[in-house]
């Protein structure tokens, strides 16, 4: 998608330090990607939406950070503190699975007196975000999430900057958007990741998932042929049931045509069930105004997965 290339161009420039990260949030996210003058009015949803270089933003975009638990420092650090060279009592190790902090706190586990929604931890099941394989570890889909509309992007970015939401405990920051491309008829989920290794620099990367959920147009030649196949298969299944009633299970005791015909009938039944499931999930997507953003994403992914299985079965 165009957005991915454009964002990647920004990230390979000055996005490898905190100043570059602030530039990305302020000048790229707010001033370009969430430009409200480019609102796309043809695809409605419960929340606000915008255009990401030709793509309609579905529901809210989000900034999500993954934080690390503090750890005791080694003896060298303690000696440097005693000598007055360093001023600190705790250290923040590199990221690894199992060290994620689920309670937002500053140094010395000091909790905030006044908190905002982005100070509350959201587990992966609540966010619906997939895990991300970065250069310094695997990050699960949970974290501290700051979601925002196209209109509220500038206010949100300024707010998280004012309260120093990103600090020494931050190990990864994600900018995540779920989009629909009217021109390509594709749903796209994009993740831009900024990793914060213990060494003190910022490493950006990105990944995008494209979901092509419309196999072919309703009423097309392929759609009619597929429906004809299921009708003929249904007739064949009725004949197979009649043969079973006549010959009982002895019809399938030998590895011969009747057994292969039974297996074929079972595969047709499974395919028909899969097509029904695909049609249901597709109807959920096309009636998106009744869904939450998370439910819509799940419906799109389920429809895309079912579409892939059907394509593998029918070619």
Protein backbone atom coordinates (compact mmCIF):
# COMPACT_ATOMS: atom_id res chain seq x y z
CA UNK A 1 0.00 0.00 0.00
CA UNK A 2 1.07 3.58 -0.62
CA UNK A 3 0.95 4.45 3.07
CA UNK A 4 3.46 1.78 3.93
CA UNK A 5 6.00 3.08 1.44
CA UNK A 6 5.47 6.67 2.49
CA UNK A 7 5.83 5.85 6.19
CA UNK A 8 8.89 3.73 5.51
CA UNK A 9 10.54 6.65 3.77
CA UNK A 10 10.05 8.80 6.86
CA UNK A 11 11.29 6.11 9.22
CA UNK A 12 14.54 5.51 7.41
CA UNK A 13 15.39 9.19 7.85
CA UNK A 14 15.43 10.65 11.34
CA UNK A 15 13.11 8.12 13.00
CA UNK A 16 15.97 6.45 14.89
CA UNK A 17 15.93 8.76 17.91
CA UNK A 18 13.38 10.41 20.17
CA UNK A 19 13.36 13.64 18.16
CA UNK A 20 12.65 11.67 15.00
CA UNK A 21 9.85 9.80 16.80
CA UNK A 22 8.27 13.08 17.87
CA UNK A 23 8.57 14.28 14.29
CA UNK A 24 6.82 11.14 13.02
CA UNK A 25 3.92 11.53 15.47
CA UNK A 26 3.52 15.28 14.95
CA UNK A 27 4.29 15.82 11.28
CA UNK A 28 3.46 12.45 9.71
CA UNK A 29 0.58 11.04 11.80
CA UNK A 30 -1.14 14.33 12.65
CA UNK A 31 -0.34 16.55 9.68
CA UNK A 32 -0.46 13.98 6.88
CA UNK A 33 -2.08 10.63 7.68
CA UNK A 34 -4.90 12.05 9.83
CA UNK A 35 -5.57 15.14 7.72
CA UNK A 36 -9.28 15.74 8.31
CA UNK A 37 -9.73 17.71 5.09
CA UNK A 38 -9.37 14.37 3.28
CA UNK A 39 -12.22 12.63 5.10
CA UNK A 40 -13.66 9.80 3.06
CA UNK A 41 -17.45 10.02 3.21
CA UNK A 42 -18.33 6.89 1.23
CA UNK A 43 -17.51 4.22 3.82
CA UNK A 44 -19.28 4.76 7.11
CA UNK A 45 -18.50 3.38 10.54
CA UNK A 46 -19.31 4.21 14.15
CA UNK A 47 -16.20 6.29 14.65
CA UNK A 48 -14.35 8.99 12.77
CA UNK A 49 -12.24 8.04 9.83
CA UNK A 50 -9.79 9.62 7.41
CA UNK A 51 -7.79 8.96 4.29
CA UNK A 52 -4.35 7.34 4.45
CA UNK A 53 -3.14 8.09 0.92
CA UNK A 54 -6.26 6.66 -0.70
CA UNK A 55 -7.30 4.30 2.11
CA UNK A 56 -10.29 4.82 4.40
CA UNK A 57 -9.44 4.53 8.10
CA UNK A 58 -11.79 2.11 9.86
CA UNK A 59 -12.62 3.18 13.43
CA UNK A 60 -9.83 4.71 15.52
CA UNK A 61 -6.10 4.63 14.98
CA UNK A 62 -3.93 3.91 18.01
CA UNK A 63 -0.56 4.33 19.63
CA UNK A 64 0.32 1.33 21.79
CA UNK A 65 3.36 0.98 23.96
CA UNK A 66 4.87 -2.11 25.55
CA UNK A 67 6.69 -1.49 28.83
CA UNK A 68 9.34 -3.36 30.78
CA UNK A 69 9.51 -4.13 34.48
CA UNK A 70 12.36 -2.54 36.38
CA UNK A 71 15.12 -4.77 37.69
CA UNK A 72 17.88 -4.58 40.27
CA UNK A 73 21.14 -3.16 38.97
CA UNK A 74 24.44 -5.04 39.16
CA UNK A 75 27.32 -4.27 41.50
CA UNK A 76 29.15 -2.07 38.98
CA UNK A 77 26.16 0.24 38.78
CA UNK A 78 25.88 0.34 42.59
CA UNK A 79 29.52 1.33 42.93
CA UNK A 80 29.13 4.11 40.36
CA UNK A 81 26.14 5.44 42.28
CA UNK A 82 28.11 5.39 45.54
CA UNK A 83 30.94 7.28 43.85
CA UNK A 84 28.50 9.94 42.67
CA UNK A 85 29.07 9.20 38.99
CA UNK A 86 25.51 7.94 38.44
CA UNK A 87 22.24 8.92 40.04
CA UNK A 88 19.78 6.04 40.01
CA UNK A 89 18.56 3.09 42.01
CA UNK A 90 17.02 0.79 39.37
CA UNK A 91 17.73 -0.43 35.85
CA UNK A 92 15.53 -1.36 32.91
CA UNK A 93 16.68 -4.51 31.11
CA UNK A 94 16.30 -5.47 27.47
CA UNK A 95 12.99 -6.81 26.27
CA UNK A 96 12.19 -10.47 26.60
CA UNK A 97 8.97 -12.41 26.91
CA UNK A 98 7.68 -12.55 30.45
CA UNK A 99 9.10 -9.18 31.54
CA UNK A 100 6.22 -7.00 30.33
CA UNK A 101 4.86 -4.53 32.86
CA UNK A 102 1.06 -4.37 33.07
CA UNK A 103 0.87 -1.52 35.60
CA UNK A 104 1.94 1.91 34.42
CA UNK A 105 4.44 3.41 36.83
CA UNK A 106 7.48 5.62 36.75
CA UNK A 107 10.83 5.00 38.43
CA UNK A 108 10.82 3.20 41.80
CA UNK A 109 7.37 1.78 40.88
CA UNK A 110 5.80 5.17 41.59
CA UNK A 111 2.18 5.12 40.43
CA UNK A 112 0.55 8.17 38.89
CA UNK A 113 -1.90 10.24 40.93
CA UNK A 114 -3.86 11.34 37.85
CA UNK A 115 -4.26 8.78 35.07
CA UNK A 116 -5.71 8.75 31.60
CA UNK A 117 -7.17 5.82 29.61
CA UNK A 118 -3.77 5.32 27.95
CA UNK A 119 -2.29 4.57 31.39
CA UNK A 120 -4.47 1.44 31.67
CA UNK A 121 -3.17 -1.90 30.39
CA UNK A 122 -5.16 -3.74 27.70
CA UNK A 123 -4.49 -7.47 27.17
CA UNK A 124 -4.14 -8.92 23.64
CA UNK A 125 -7.68 -10.32 23.75
CA UNK A 126 -9.05 -6.81 24.29
CA UNK A 127 -7.00 -5.08 21.59
CA UNK A 128 -7.19 -7.78 18.93
CA UNK A 129 -3.71 -6.85 17.70
CA UNK A 130 -1.43 -9.67 16.47
CA UNK A 131 2.02 -10.26 17.93
CA UNK A 132 4.94 -8.50 16.25
CA UNK A 133 8.36 -10.04 15.63
CA UNK A 134 10.88 -7.24 16.01
CA UNK A 135 14.66 -7.10 15.94
CA UNK A 136 14.91 -7.32 19.73
CA UNK A 137 12.13 -9.76 20.57
CA UNK A 138 8.52 -10.75 20.08
CA UNK A 139 5.88 -8.31 21.29
CA UNK A 140 2.40 -9.58 22.08
CA UNK A 141 -0.72 -7.64 21.13
CA UNK A 142 -1.34 -6.10 24.54
CA UNK A 143 -0.05 -2.90 26.04
CA UNK A 144 -1.01 0.63 26.99
CA UNK A 145 -3.22 1.95 24.19
CA UNK A 146 -3.93 5.56 23.22
CA UNK A 147 -6.64 5.49 20.55
CA UNK A 148 -7.68 8.56 18.61
CA UNK A 149 -9.85 9.76 15.75
CA UNK A 150 -8.64 11.71 12.77
CA UNK A 151 -9.93 14.91 14.36
CA UNK A 152 -8.37 14.20 17.75
CA UNK A 153 -4.93 13.07 16.57
CA UNK A 154 -3.18 16.37 17.29
CA UNK A 155 -4.64 16.69 20.78
CA UNK A 156 -3.77 13.09 21.68
CA UNK A 157 -0.18 13.32 20.45
CA UNK A 158 0.30 16.55 22.40
CA UNK A 159 -1.24 15.02 25.53
CA UNK A 160 1.00 11.93 25.60
CA UNK A 161 4.00 14.18 25.00
CA UNK A 162 3.08 16.53 27.85
CA UNK A 163 2.77 13.72 30.42
CA UNK A 164 5.97 11.98 29.19
CA UNK A 165 4.00 8.83 28.40
CA UNK A 166 7.06 7.38 26.67
CA UNK A 167 9.96 7.00 29.09
CA UNK A 168 12.83 4.71 30.10
CA UNK A 169 10.48 1.77 30.67
CA UNK A 170 9.14 1.87 27.10
CA UNK A 171 10.48 -0.96 24.97
CA UNK A 172 8.24 -0.65 21.91
CA UNK A 173 5.77 1.86 20.52
CA UNK A 174 3.29 0.87 17.81
CA UNK A 175 1.25 3.03 15.46
CA UNK A 176 -1.58 0.79 14.26
CA UNK A 177 -4.36 1.45 11.77
CA UNK A 178 -7.02 -0.68 10.13
CA UNK A 179 -7.90 0.53 6.65
CA UNK A 180 -10.04 -0.16 3.62
CA UNK A 181 -8.81 0.56 0.10
CA UNK A 182 -11.82 1.31 -2.15
CA UNK A 183 -9.67 1.25 -5.27
CA UNK A 184 -8.19 -2.21 -4.59
CA UNK A 185 -11.17 -3.53 -2.58
CA UNK A 186 -8.76 -4.65 0.14
CA UNK A 187 -8.75 -4.38 3.91
CA UNK A 188 -5.32 -3.58 5.33
CA UNK A 189 -3.99 -3.69 8.87
CA UNK A 190 -0.74 -1.74 9.24
CA UNK A 191 1.72 -1.77 12.15
CA UNK A 192 4.58 0.69 12.45
CA UNK A 193 6.90 -0.31 15.30
CA UNK A 194 9.54 1.69 17.15
CA UNK A 195 11.72 -0.52 19.32
CA UNK A 196 13.56 0.94 22.31
CA UNK A 197 16.46 -1.41 23.16
CA UNK A 198 18.27 -0.97 26.44
CA UNK A 199 21.18 0.63 24.57
CA UNK A 200 19.24 3.85 24.18
CA UNK A 201 18.44 4.21 20.45
CA UNK A 202 15.19 3.78 18.50
CA UNK A 203 14.81 1.18 15.75
CA UNK A 204 11.79 1.58 13.41
CA UNK A 205 10.17 -1.09 11.26
CA UNK A 206 6.76 -1.76 9.74
CA UNK A 207 4.47 -4.55 8.62
CA UNK A 208 1.12 -4.68 6.83
CA UNK A 209 -1.53 -7.38 6.37
CA UNK A 210 -3.75 -7.26 3.30
CA UNK A 211 -7.12 -9.06 3.36
CA UNK A 212 -8.84 -9.78 0.05
CA UNK A 213 -12.19 -11.04 1.25
CA UNK A 214 -14.21 -10.74 -1.97
CA UNK A 215 -13.45 -13.87 -4.00
CA UNK A 216 -15.49 -12.74 -7.00
CA UNK A 217 -18.58 -10.69 -7.64
CA UNK A 218 -21.97 -12.19 -6.90
CA UNK A 219 -23.62 -13.38 -10.11
CA UNK A 220 -20.34 -13.68 -12.00
CA UNK A 221 -19.56 -16.73 -14.14
CA UNK A 222 -17.33 -18.22 -11.41
CA UNK A 223 -19.99 -17.69 -8.77
CA UNK A 224 -22.66 -19.34 -10.93
CA UNK A 225 -20.39 -22.30 -11.74
CA UNK A 226 -19.60 -22.81 -8.07
CA UNK A 227 -23.30 -22.75 -7.14
CA UNK A 228 -24.02 -25.19 -9.97
CA UNK A 229 -21.31 -27.50 -8.60
CA UNK A 230 -22.96 -27.53 -5.17
CA UNK A 231 -26.39 -28.24 -6.68
CA UNK A 232 -25.08 -31.17 -8.71
CA UNK A 233 -23.18 -32.42 -5.66
CA UNK A 234 -26.35 -32.25 -3.60
CA UNK A 235 -28.10 -34.44 -6.18
CA UNK A 236 -25.16 -36.85 -6.09
CA UNK A 237 -25.26 -36.99 -2.26
CA UNK A 238 -28.96 -37.94 -2.35
CA UNK A 239 -28.10 -40.79 -4.71
CA UNK A 240 -25.29 -41.90 -2.38
CA UNK A 241 -27.69 -41.92 0.59
CA UNK A 242 -30.10 -44.09 -1.41
CA UNK A 243 -27.27 -46.51 -2.23
CA UNK A 244 -26.28 -46.67 1.45
CA UNK A 245 -29.83 -47.52 2.45
CA UNK A 246 -29.80 -50.34 -0.09
CA UNK A 247 -26.34 -51.83 0.60
CA UNK A 248 -25.74 -50.65 4.19
CA UNK A 249 -22.17 -50.16 5.48
CA UNK A 250 -20.89 -53.16 3.51
CA UNK A 251 -20.78 -50.83 0.52
CA UNK A 252 -17.68 -49.15 2.01
CA UNK A 253 -15.77 -52.13 3.41
CA UNK A 254 -13.38 -52.28 0.46
CA UNK A 255 -11.13 -49.59 -0.93
CA UNK A 256 -13.08 -49.12 -4.12
CA UNK A 257 -15.12 -46.47 -5.94
CA UNK A 258 -17.93 -46.38 -3.35
CA UNK A 259 -15.45 -45.44 -0.61
CA UNK A 260 -13.91 -42.72 -2.78
CA UNK A 261 -17.41 -41.45 -3.58
CA UNK A 262 -18.15 -41.25 0.16
CA UNK A 263 -14.98 -39.26 0.81
CA UNK A 264 -15.84 -36.92 -2.05
CA UNK A 265 -19.31 -36.37 -0.62
CA UNK A 266 -17.86 -35.55 2.80
CA UNK A 267 -15.45 -33.03 1.24
CA UNK A 268 -18.37 -31.37 -0.56
CA UNK A 269 -20.29 -31.09 2.71
CA UNK A 270 -17.28 -29.50 4.43
CA UNK A 271 -16.82 -27.09 1.51
CA UNK A 272 -20.50 -26.15 1.62
CA UNK A 273 -20.24 -25.42 5.34
CA UNK A 274 -17.14 -23.33 4.75
CA UNK A 275 -18.91 -21.37 2.01
CA UNK A 276 -21.83 -20.72 4.36
CA UNK A 277 -19.44 -19.50 7.06
CA UNK A 278 -17.67 -17.27 4.54
CA UNK A 279 -20.97 -15.79 3.35
CA UNK A 280 -22.01 -15.07 6.95
CA UNK A 281 -18.72 -13.34 7.83
CA UNK A 282 -18.89 -11.35 4.59
CA UNK A 283 -22.39 -10.17 5.51
CA UNK A 284 -21.02 -9.06 8.90
CA UNK A 285 -18.35 -6.96 7.20
CA UNK A 286 -20.76 -5.32 4.78
CA UNK A 287 -23.04 -4.36 7.70
CA UNK A 288 -20.09 -2.84 9.57
CA UNK A 289 -22.10 -0.03 11.19
CA UNK A 290 -23.46 -2.54 13.71
CA UNK A 291 -20.00 -3.81 14.69
CA UNK A 292 -17.29 -2.53 16.97
CA UNK A 293 -13.86 -1.94 15.47
CA UNK A 294 -12.51 -5.13 17.08
CA UNK A 295 -15.46 -7.21 15.85
CA UNK A 296 -15.03 -5.81 12.35
CA UNK A 297 -11.35 -6.75 12.30
CA UNK A 298 -12.18 -10.28 13.46
CA UNK A 299 -14.89 -10.61 10.80
CA UNK A 300 -12.51 -9.43 8.07
CA UNK A 301 -9.77 -11.85 9.15
CA UNK A 302 -12.24 -14.74 9.41
CA UNK A 303 -13.72 -14.00 5.97
CA UNK A 304 -10.23 -13.77 4.46
CA UNK A 305 -9.21 -17.09 6.02
CA UNK A 306 -12.37 -18.83 4.79
CA UNK A 307 -11.85 -17.29 1.34
CA UNK A 308 -8.33 -18.72 1.23
CA UNK A 309 -9.58 -22.21 2.06
CA UNK A 310 -12.29 -22.00 -0.59
CA UNK A 311 -9.79 -20.81 -3.19
CA UNK A 312 -7.56 -23.76 -2.32
CA UNK A 313 -10.51 -26.12 -2.76
CA UNK A 314 -11.87 -24.68 -6.00
CA UNK A 315 -8.85 -22.90 -7.48
